[in-house]
C-alpha atoms as a PDB file:
ATOM      1  CA  MET A   1     208.414  46.787 165.401  1.00  0.00           C
ATOM      2  CA  ILE A   2     206.367  43.619 165.004  1.00  0.00           C
ATOM      3  CA  GLU A   3     207.586  41.577 162.050  1.00  0.00           C
ATOM      4  CA  ILE A   4     204.866  40.783 159.524  1.00  0.00           C
ATOM      5  CA  ILE A   5     205.582  38.380 156.666  1.00  0.00           C
ATOM      6  CA  PRO A   6     206.308  39.654 154.037  1.00  0.00           C
ATOM      7  CA  ASN A   7     205.506  43.107 155.499  1.00  0.00           C
ATOM      8  CA  TRP A   8     202.433  45.092 156.622  1.00  0.00           C
ATOM      9  CA  HIS A   9     200.639  44.646 153.302  1.00  0.00           C
ATOM     10  CA  PRO A  10     198.590  41.582 154.441  1.00  0.00           C
ATOM     11  CA  ILE A  11     197.159  43.624 157.334  1.00  0.00           C
ATOM     12  CA  LEU A  12     196.537  46.876 155.486  1.00  0.00           C
ATOM     13  CA  VAL A  13     194.864  45.210 152.516  1.00  0.00           C
ATOM     14  CA  HIS A  14     192.033  43.898 154.694  1.00  0.00           C
ATOM     15  CA  PHE A  15     191.131  47.449 155.763  1.00  0.00           C
ATOM     16  CA  THR A  16     191.259  48.542 152.130  1.00  0.00           C
ATOM     17  CA  ILE A  17     188.919  45.785 150.978  1.00  0.00           C
ATOM     18  CA  GLY A  18     186.557  46.092 153.943  1.00  0.00           C
ATOM     19  CA  LEU A  19     186.146  49.874 153.900  1.00  0.00           C
ATOM     20  CA  LEU A  20     185.954  50.352 150.137  1.00  0.00           C
ATOM     21  CA  ALA A  21     183.539  47.449 149.684  1.00  0.00           C
ATOM     22  CA  THR A  22     181.351  48.798 152.500  1.00  0.00           C
ATOM     23  CA  SER A  23     181.355  52.182 150.825  1.00  0.00           C
ATOM     24  CA  VAL A  24     180.116  50.766 147.527  1.00  0.00           C
ATOM     25  CA  VAL A  25     177.383  48.772 149.289  1.00  0.00           C
ATOM     26  CA  PHE A  26     176.024  51.784 151.173  1.00  0.00           C
ATOM     27  CA  PHE A  27     176.080  53.953 148.062  1.00  0.00           C
ATOM     28  CA  LEU A  28     173.947  51.297 146.360  1.00  0.00           C
ATOM     29  CA  LEU A  29     171.561  50.973 149.305  1.00  0.00           C
ATOM     30  CA  SER A  30     171.059  54.720 149.649  1.00  0.00           C
ATOM     31  CA  LYS A  31     170.237  55.060 145.961  1.00  0.00           C
ATOM     32  CA  LEU A  32     168.164  51.966 145.204  1.00  0.00           C
ATOM     33  CA  LEU A  33     166.181  51.060 148.325  1.00  0.00           C
ATOM     34  CA  PRO A  34     162.845  52.807 148.973  1.00  0.00           C
ATOM     35  CA  VAL A  35     163.603  53.979 152.510  1.00  0.00           C
ATOM     36  CA  SER A  36     163.153  57.265 154.336  1.00  0.00           C
ATOM     37  CA  GLN A  37     165.219  60.258 153.352  1.00  0.00           C
ATOM     38  CA  THR A  38     166.773  60.351 156.796  1.00  0.00           C
ATOM     39  CA  LEU A  39     168.030  56.796 156.467  1.00  0.00           C
ATOM     40  CA  LYS A  40     169.313  57.489 152.963  1.00  0.00           C
ATOM     41  CA  SER A  41     171.239  60.516 154.240  1.00  0.00           C
ATOM     42  CA  ASN A  42     172.782  58.458 157.045  1.00  0.00           C
ATOM     43  CA  TRP A  43     173.809  55.721 154.627  1.00  0.00           C
ATOM     44  CA  GLN A  44     175.411  58.282 152.328  1.00  0.00           C
ATOM     45  CA  VAL A  45     177.409  59.721 155.210  1.00  0.00           C
ATOM     46  CA  VAL A  46     178.641  56.211 156.072  1.00  0.00           C
ATOM     47  CA  ALA A  47     179.475  55.535 152.415  1.00  0.00           C
ATOM     48  CA  HIS A  48     181.445  58.756 152.011  1.00  0.00           C
ATOM     49  CA  TRP A  49     183.460  58.273 155.203  1.00  0.00           C
ATOM     50  CA  CYS A  50     184.252  54.640 154.409  1.00  0.00           C
ATOM     51  CA  LEU A  51     185.433  55.740 150.972  1.00  0.00           C
ATOM     52  CA  TRP A  52     187.661  58.503 152.336  1.00  0.00           C
ATOM     53  CA  VAL A  53     189.223  56.451 155.127  1.00  0.00           C
ATOM     54  CA  GLY A  54     189.536  53.414 152.854  1.00  0.00           C
ATOM     55  CA  MET A  55     191.310  55.449 150.199  1.00  0.00           C
ATOM     56  CA  ALA A  56     193.766  56.852 152.752  1.00  0.00           C
ATOM     57  CA  ILE A  57     194.637  53.335 153.912  1.00  0.00           C
ATOM     58  CA  THR A  58     194.801  52.173 150.301  1.00  0.00           C
ATOM     59  CA  LEU A  59     197.736  54.497 149.693  1.00  0.00           C
ATOM     60  CA  LEU A  60     199.646  52.693 152.456  1.00  0.00           C
ATOM     61  CA  THR A  61     198.448  49.321 151.150  1.00  0.00           C
ATOM     62  CA  VAL A  62     199.770  50.029 147.665  1.00  0.00           C
ATOM     63  CA  LEU A  63     203.131  51.209 149.017  1.00  0.00           C
ATOM     64  CA  ALA A  64     203.514  48.123 151.216  1.00  0.00           C
ATOM     65  CA  GLY A  65     202.387  45.887 148.367  1.00  0.00           C
ATOM     66  CA  TYR A  66     204.903  47.405 145.984  1.00  0.00           C
ATOM     67  CA  PHE A  67     207.654  46.856 148.538  1.00  0.00           C
ATOM     68  CA  ALA A  68     206.564  43.218 148.920  1.00  0.00           C
ATOM     69  CA  TYR A  69     206.538  42.853 145.136  1.00  0.00           C
ATOM     70  CA  ASN A  70     210.217  43.812 145.026  1.00  0.00           C
ATOM     71  CA  SER A  71     211.338  41.837 148.069  1.00  0.00           C
ATOM     72  CA  VAL A  72     209.590  38.449 148.376  1.00  0.00           C
ATOM     73  CA  ALA A  73     211.248  35.317 147.020  1.00  0.00           C
ATOM     74  CA  HIS A  74     209.538  33.998 143.902  1.00  0.00           C
ATOM     75  CA  ASP A  75     209.938  31.892 140.784  1.00  0.00           C
ATOM     76  CA  THR A  76     208.753  32.465 137.216  1.00  0.00           C
ATOM     77  CA  PRO A  77     205.088  31.380 137.649  1.00  0.00           C
ATOM     78  CA  SER A  78     204.680  33.293 140.923  1.00  0.00           C
ATOM     79  CA  HIS A  79     206.324  36.361 139.385  1.00  0.00           C
ATOM     80  CA  ALA A  80     203.681  36.404 136.668  1.00  0.00           C
ATOM     81  CA  ALA A  81     200.923  36.006 139.277  1.00  0.00           C
ATOM     82  CA  MET A  82     202.134  38.830 141.507  1.00  0.00           C
ATOM     83  CA  THR A  83     202.726  41.102 138.507  1.00  0.00           C
ATOM     84  CA  GLU A  84     199.127  40.613 137.425  1.00  0.00           C
ATOM     85  CA  HIS A  85     197.965  41.314 140.979  1.00  0.00           C
ATOM     86  CA  ARG A  86     200.090  44.476 141.083  1.00  0.00           C
ATOM     87  CA  ASN A  87     198.654  45.759 137.791  1.00  0.00           C
ATOM     88  CA  TRP A  88     195.084  45.167 138.948  1.00  0.00           C
ATOM     89  CA  ALA A  89     195.905  46.928 142.231  1.00  0.00           C
ATOM     90  CA  PHE A  90     197.197  50.039 140.466  1.00  0.00           C
ATOM     91  CA  VAL A  91     194.104  50.276 138.285  1.00  0.00           C
ATOM     92  CA  THR A  92     191.794  49.723 141.279  1.00  0.00           C
ATOM     93  CA  ALA A  93     193.581  52.342 143.383  1.00  0.00           C
ATOM     94  CA  ALA A  94     193.324  54.849 140.535  1.00  0.00           C
ATOM     95  CA  ALA A  95     189.597  54.158 140.107  1.00  0.00           C
ATOM     96  CA  PHE A  96     188.865  54.655 143.805  1.00  0.00           C
ATOM     97  CA  ALA A  97     191.078  57.759 143.916  1.00  0.00           C
ATOM     98  CA  PHE A  98     188.945  59.273 141.140  1.00  0.00           C
ATOM     99  CA  LEU A  99     185.788  58.188 142.983  1.00  0.00           C
ATOM    100  CA  THR A 100     187.072  59.754 146.218  1.00  0.00           C
ATOM    101  CA  ILE A 101     187.694  63.124 144.558  1.00  0.00           C
ATOM    102  CA  TRP A 102     184.230  62.963 143.010  1.00  0.00           C
ATOM    103  CA  SER A 103     182.763  62.158 146.411  1.00  0.00           C
ATOM    104  CA  ILE A 104     184.485  65.124 148.082  1.00  0.00           C
ATOM    105  CA  VAL A 105     183.229  67.490 145.380  1.00  0.00           C
ATOM    106  CA  LEU A 106     179.658  66.217 145.835  1.00  0.00           C
ATOM    107  CA  ARG A 107     179.818  66.700 149.612  1.00  0.00           C
ATOM    108  CA  LEU A 108     181.232  70.211 149.271  1.00  0.00           C
ATOM    109  CA  LYS A 109     178.413  71.115 146.888  1.00  0.00           C
ATOM    110  CA  LYS A 110     175.912  69.268 149.124  1.00  0.00           C
ATOM    111  CA  ARG A 111     174.701  67.189 146.222  1.00  0.00           C
ATOM    112  CA  ILE A 112     173.423  63.622 146.262  1.00  0.00           C
ATOM    113  CA  PRO A 113     175.411  61.072 144.198  1.00  0.00           C
ATOM    114  CA  GLY A 114     173.632  60.313 140.943  1.00  0.00           C
ATOM    115  CA  TYR A 115     173.532  57.246 138.749  1.00  0.00           C
ATOM    116  CA  GLY A 116     176.802  58.207 137.044  1.00  0.00           C
ATOM    117  CA  PHE A 117     178.554  58.116 140.413  1.00  0.00           C
ATOM    118  CA  LEU A 118     176.806  54.845 141.220  1.00  0.00           C
ATOM    119  CA  ILE A 119     178.083  53.258 137.993  1.00  0.00           C
ATOM    120  CA  GLY A 120     181.586  54.436 138.870  1.00  0.00           C
ATOM    121  CA  ALA A 121     181.249  52.858 142.320  1.00  0.00           C
ATOM    122  CA  LEU A 122     180.128  49.550 140.782  1.00  0.00           C
ATOM    123  CA  ILE A 123     183.066  49.517 138.359  1.00  0.00           C
ATOM    124  CA  SER A 124     185.502  50.331 141.155  1.00  0.00           C
ATOM    125  CA  GLY A 125     183.991  47.618 143.347  1.00  0.00           C
ATOM    126  CA  SER A 126     184.349  45.063 140.551  1.00  0.00           C
ATOM    127  CA  LEU A 127     188.003  46.025 140.124  1.00  0.00           C
ATOM    128  CA  LEU A 128     188.483  45.646 143.871  1.00  0.00           C
ATOM    129  CA  ALA A 129     187.022  42.134 143.816  1.00  0.00           C
ATOM    130  CA  SER A 130     189.255  41.113 140.923  1.00  0.00           C
ATOM    131  CA  THR A 131     192.339  42.542 142.621  1.00  0.00           C
ATOM    132  CA  GLY A 132     191.554  40.679 145.828  1.00  0.00           C
ATOM    133  CA  TRP A 133     191.050  37.421 143.920  1.00  0.00           C
ATOM    134  CA  HIS A 134     194.402  37.785 142.156  1.00  0.00           C
ATOM    135  CA  GLY A 135     196.055  38.520 145.495  1.00  0.00           C
ATOM    136  CA  GLY A 136     194.595  35.343 146.958  1.00  0.00           C
ATOM    137  CA  GLU A 137     195.850  33.378 143.964  1.00  0.00           C
ATOM    138  CA  ALA A 138     199.352  34.761 144.428  1.00  0.00           C
ATOM    139  CA  VAL A 139     199.459  33.648 148.063  1.00  0.00           C
ATOM    140  CA  TYR A 140     197.420  30.439 148.218  1.00  0.00           C
ATOM    141  CA  ARG A 141     198.190  28.998 144.798  1.00  0.00           C
ATOM    142  CA  TYR A 142     201.771  30.184 144.290  1.00  0.00           C
ATOM    143  CA  GLY A 143     202.885  30.559 147.930  1.00  0.00           C
ATOM    144  CA  LEU A 144     204.153  34.133 147.700  1.00  0.00           C
ATOM    145  CA  GLY A 145     205.237  35.459 151.073  1.00  0.00           C
ATOM    146  CA  VAL A 146     204.746  32.052 152.729  1.00  0.00           C
ATOM    147  CA  MET A 147     207.733  30.820 154.738  1.00  0.00           C
ATOM    148  CA  SER A 148     206.581  27.241 155.290  1.00  0.00           C
ATOM    149  CA  LEU A 149     203.734  24.855 154.471  1.00  0.00           C
ATOM    150  CA  PRO A 150     202.040  22.332 156.790  1.00  0.00           C
ATOM    151  CA  LYS A 151     203.643  18.890 156.825  1.00  0.00           C
ATOM    152  CA  VAL A 152     200.943  16.331 156.064  1.00  0.00           C
ATOM    153  CA  GLU A 153     201.577  12.697 156.933  1.00  0.00           C
ATOM    154  CA  GLU A 154     199.807  10.189 154.716  1.00  0.00           C
ATOM    155  CA  ASN A 155     198.205   7.014 156.010  1.00  0.00           C
ATOM    156  CA  SER A 156     198.408   3.671 154.252  1.00  0.00           C
ATOM    157  CA  ASP A 157     195.021   4.337 152.646  1.00  0.00           C
ATOM    158  CA  GLY A 158     196.313   7.521 151.018  1.00  0.00           C
ATOM    159  CA  GLY A 159     194.642   9.971 153.407  1.00  0.00           C
ATOM    160  CA  HIS A 160     196.487  12.370 155.668  1.00  0.00           C
ATOM    161  CA  ALA A 161     196.898  11.749 159.357  1.00  0.00           C
ATOM    162  CA  SER A 162     195.529  14.619 161.394  1.00  0.00           C
ATOM    163  CA  HIS A 163     194.060  15.297 164.787  1.00  0.00           C
ATOM    164  CA  THR A 164     190.301  15.620 165.171  1.00  0.00           C
ATOM    165  CA  HIS A 165     188.120  18.252 166.820  1.00  0.00           C
ATOM    166  CA  GLY A 166     184.760  18.033 168.552  1.00  0.00           C
ATOM    167  CA  GLU A 167     182.263  15.651 167.004  1.00  0.00           C
ATOM    168  CA  GLU A 168     184.803  14.498 164.425  1.00  0.00           C
ATOM    169  CA  ALA A 169     186.576  12.592 167.194  1.00  0.00           C
ATOM    170  CA  LYS A 170     183.581  10.238 167.393  1.00  0.00           C
ATOM    171  CA  ILE A 171     183.908   9.125 163.781  1.00  0.00           C
ATOM    172  CA  PRO A 172     185.171   5.520 163.780  1.00  0.00           C
ATOM    173  CA  SER A 173     188.416   4.728 162.047  1.00  0.00           C
ATOM    174  CA  LYS A 174     188.458   2.502 158.956  1.00  0.00           C
ATOM    175  CA  ASN A 175     191.067   0.308 160.622  1.00  0.00           C
ATOM    176  CA  MET A 176     189.180  -0.074 163.890  1.00  0.00           C
ATOM    177  CA  PRO A 177     187.870  -3.588 164.673  1.00  0.00           C
ATOM    178  CA  GLU A 178     184.148  -4.020 164.132  1.00  0.00           C
ATOM    179  CA  SER A 179     183.640  -4.920 167.772  1.00  0.00           C
ATOM    180  CA  GLN A 180     184.870  -1.480 168.813  1.00  0.00           C
ATOM    181  CA  THR A 181     183.390   0.585 165.991  1.00  0.00           C
ATOM    182  CA  GLN A 182     179.874   0.814 167.426  1.00  0.00           C
ATOM    183  CA  HIS A 183     181.131   1.688 170.897  1.00  0.00           C
ATOM    184  CA  HIS A 184     183.455   4.354 169.494  1.00  0.00           C
ATOM    185  CA  ALA A 185     180.670   5.931 167.455  1.00  0.00           C
ATOM    186  CA  GLU A 186     178.436   6.011 170.534  1.00  0.00           C
ATOM    187  CA  GLY A 187     181.122   7.589 172.668  1.00  0.00           C
ATOM    188  CA  VAL A 188     181.657   4.489 174.834  1.00  0.00           C
ATOM    189  CA  ASP A 189     185.087   4.013 176.366  1.00  0.00           C
ATOM    190  CA  THR A 190     186.631   0.893 174.832  1.00  0.00           C
ATOM    191  CA  HIS A 191     190.078   1.167 176.420  1.00  0.00           C
ATOM    192  CA  GLU A 192     191.286  -1.666 178.641  1.00  0.00           C
ATOM    193  CA  HIS A 193     191.966  -0.794 182.261  1.00  0.00           C
ATOM    194  CA  THR A 194     194.230  -2.955 184.417  1.00  0.00           C
ATOM    195  CA  GLN A 195     193.564  -3.630 188.069  1.00  0.00           C
ATOM    196  CA  PRO A 196     196.020  -4.373 190.856  1.00  0.00           C
ATOM    197  CA  GLU A 197     196.706  -8.053 191.418  1.00  0.00           C
ATOM    198  CA  SER A 198     195.195  -7.918 194.903  1.00  0.00           C
ATOM    199  CA  THR A 199     191.842  -6.668 193.602  1.00  0.00           C
ATOM    200  CA  LYS A 200     191.656  -8.447 190.225  1.00  0.00           C
ATOM    201  CA  PRO A 201     188.986 -11.207 190.294  1.00  0.00           C
ATOM    202  CA  GLU A 202     190.228 -14.665 189.326  1.00  0.00           C
ATOM    203  CA  SER A 203     188.330 -16.755 186.816  1.00  0.00           C
ATOM    204  CA  GLY A 204     186.965 -20.103 187.989  1.00  0.00           C
ATOM    205  CA  ILE A 205     188.126 -21.703 184.765  1.00  0.00           C
ATOM    206  CA  LYS A 206     191.662 -20.485 185.317  1.00  0.00           C
ATOM    207  CA  ASN A 207     191.641 -21.820 188.892  1.00  0.00           C
ATOM    208  CA  LYS A 208     190.401 -25.227 187.726  1.00  0.00           C
ATOM    209  CA  SER A 209     193.015 -25.417 184.974  1.00  0.00           C
ATOM    210  CA  ALA A 210     195.749 -24.506 187.420  1.00  0.00           C
ATOM    211  CA  LYS A 211     194.561 -27.203 189.876  1.00  0.00           C
ATOM    212  CA  GLU A 212     194.464 -29.876 187.149  1.00  0.00           C
ATOM    213  CA  ALA A 213     197.933 -28.933 185.987  1.00  0.00           C
ATOM    214  CA  HIS A 214     199.168 -29.223 189.571  1.00  0.00           C
ATOM    215  CA  ASP A 215     197.582 -32.672 190.098  1.00  0.00           C
ATOM    216  CA  ASN A 216     198.982 -34.072 186.822  1.00  0.00           C
ATOM    217  CA  THR A 217     202.470 -32.895 187.497  1.00  0.00           C
ATOM    218  CA  PRO A 218     204.708 -35.598 188.966  1.00  0.00           C
ATOM    219  CA  HIS A 219     206.215 -34.598 192.276  1.00  0.00           C
ATOM    220  CA  ALA A 220     209.425 -35.873 193.696  1.00  0.00           C
ATOM    221  CA  HIS A 221     209.135 -37.220 197.263  1.00  0.00           C
END
């Protein structure tokens, strides 16, 4: 099996967020926008299916997340962060589980979701957003589940040395001589190229200096 750090939770959680958030959005659109009844019915079908599939994946997401909670290396601050994320996740999963059951009952009775259901969807969506934010904090602020961090080399001016991409490569360096800055910004090649001795043109000044040096040098006869 492919190894995922810390486990499959980082993959599963994206399906949970994407499907459940899409469900809430389409429930809102089908209820609030003045569109045709056919379009509203189609949007409701999409919303219900996204909710059902998202909830099924959420069960796996919560299980994988709970396993990660009990297995990843952490310190005191990161433990508090992941505990808060876990608590939000449990509440969010419970809210969407209740919403899913409500949705199934409405479909079986062939009834359209009312404003009460819509309020429940909004609350569940808000909980989902908060849970996702706390999960991002646990990873990107406290480094949970991260095995290594990028090594940044600092320049003498305090900035980090990094490679450039695309148009950024044309930005002149602060330490570049002024004579080369304009050419670099315009994309002109400023590198020196050497030529073979047989093809390199000789300067007239150099020839004259060499001749004078030869004439002024005493020779032994």
